[in-house]
Structure formats: structure tokens, C-alpha cells
Amino acid sequence: MTTITAEQMREHLADGQATPLLPEGIPGPVHHAGRWWLIPEDAHDYQPADADRAARLDEFAQRLAAGAKALQTRTDQEER
């Protein structure tokens, strides 16, 4: 199984090659190289998410992006 250490993932994040799901970043889910990666409870390294979990992470990422956009719109309106 392909894995990525947390340190390697930090490097991918710093280089802009990966995007964390949450602002806290490591050790949360990260989108890198076209797929979601996460650290399972019983592991220390990132592993690719299975298809079901990846679909849920995609949905969650879309919700977070929509919330961030709505917040920015509201902030922009209040500044006017």
C-alpha cells in the first residue's frame, strides 16, 4: 500500500502541492495528487482514502467552501 509520512505531507502542503480539508492541516484529511489522504486510527502515515470516504470528503470540502464563500460575501457586504 502506498503511504505518505506526515512530514512528507507537510512538505507537500508547504509547496502548495496539497490542500488540507481543515485549516488546521496535519493530521487531518488532505487532498493531494488527485485523491484524498488520511491517517487511520491504527496508523502513523497517510493512506489513500477508499472511494466511499473520498466521496464524503469531497462533499464536506464543497460544504466548507460554500460556507467560506457565504461568510466572505457577508463580510464584504458589511464593509460597504
Protein backbone atom coordinates (compact mmCIF):
# COMPACT_ATOMS: atom_id res chain seq x y z
CA MET A 1 0.00 0.00 0.00
CA THR A 2 1.22 3.48 -0.84
CA THR A 3 1.72 5.73 2.18
CA ILE A 4 3.00 9.25 2.82
CA THR A 5 4.54 10.24 6.13
CA ALA A 6 3.13 13.24 7.98
CA GLU A 7 6.44 15.04 7.39
CA GLN A 8 6.25 14.41 3.65
CA MET A 9 2.66 15.66 3.64
CA ARG A 10 3.74 18.82 5.47
CA GLU A 11 6.25 19.38 2.66
CA HIS A 12 3.53 18.89 0.03
CA LEU A 13 1.34 21.40 1.88
CA ALA A 14 4.18 23.93 2.16
CA ASP A 15 4.93 23.56 -1.55
CA GLY A 16 1.26 24.07 -2.43
CA GLN A 17 1.01 20.55 -3.85
CA ALA A 18 -1.64 19.52 -1.30
CA THR A 19 -4.70 21.12 0.30
CA PRO A 20 -5.89 20.30 3.82
CA LEU A 21 -9.60 19.78 4.36
CA LEU A 22 -9.48 21.85 7.54
CA PRO A 23 -7.38 24.94 8.28
CA GLU A 24 -5.52 23.04 11.00
CA GLY A 25 -3.99 20.81 8.30
CA ILE A 26 -1.93 17.93 9.63
CA PRO A 27 -3.06 15.36 10.80
CA GLY A 28 -6.46 15.87 9.13
CA PRO A 29 -7.54 14.73 5.68
CA VAL A 30 -5.52 16.20 2.80
CA HIS A 31 -6.22 16.31 -0.93
CA HIS A 32 -3.01 15.52 -2.83
CA ALA A 33 -2.24 14.18 -6.30
CA GLY A 34 -5.89 13.89 -7.24
CA ARG A 35 -7.04 11.95 -4.20
CA TRP A 36 -7.84 12.24 -0.51
CA TRP A 37 -5.32 11.03 2.05
CA LEU A 38 -5.85 10.42 5.76
CA ILE A 39 -4.21 8.79 8.74
CA PRO A 40 -6.30 5.87 10.04
CA GLU A 41 -6.59 5.38 13.80
CA ASP A 42 -4.19 2.45 13.81
CA ALA A 43 -1.54 4.04 11.57
CA HIS A 44 1.10 6.79 11.61
CA ASP A 45 1.29 7.57 7.90
CA TYR A 46 -1.19 8.96 5.41
CA GLN A 47 -3.01 6.40 3.29
CA PRO A 48 -5.33 6.93 0.33
CA ALA A 49 -8.99 7.17 1.31
CA ASP A 50 -11.30 4.48 -0.03
CA ALA A 51 -13.94 5.52 -2.59
CA ASP A 52 -16.78 5.91 -0.05
CA ARG A 53 -14.74 8.03 2.32
CA ALA A 54 -13.31 10.09 -0.57
CA ALA A 55 -16.85 10.85 -1.75
CA ARG A 56 -17.81 12.02 1.74
CA LEU A 57 -14.67 14.15 1.96
CA ASP A 58 -15.48 15.72 -1.42
CA GLU A 59 -18.97 16.58 -0.16
CA PHE A 60 -17.61 18.01 3.08
CA ALA A 61 -15.00 20.07 1.21
CA GLN A 62 -17.75 21.51 -1.01
CA ARG A 63 -19.80 22.45 2.06
CA LEU A 64 -16.80 24.12 3.69
CA ALA A 65 -16.05 26.07 0.50
CA ALA A 66 -19.69 27.20 0.23
CA GLY A 67 -19.66 28.32 3.87
CA ALA A 68 -16.41 30.22 3.39
CA LYS A 69 -17.82 31.93 0.30
CA ALA A 70 -21.01 32.89 2.13
CA LEU A 71 -19.01 34.27 5.03
CA GLN A 72 -16.81 36.30 2.68
CA THR A 73 -19.88 37.68 0.87
CA ARG A 74 -21.42 38.72 4.18
CA THR A 75 -18.16 40.30 5.35
CA ASP A 76 -17.86 42.21 2.07
CA GLN A 77 -21.44 43.48 2.40
CA GLU A 78 -20.88 44.63 5.98
CA GLU A 79 -17.75 46.55 4.97
CA ARG A 80 -19.70 48.62 2.44
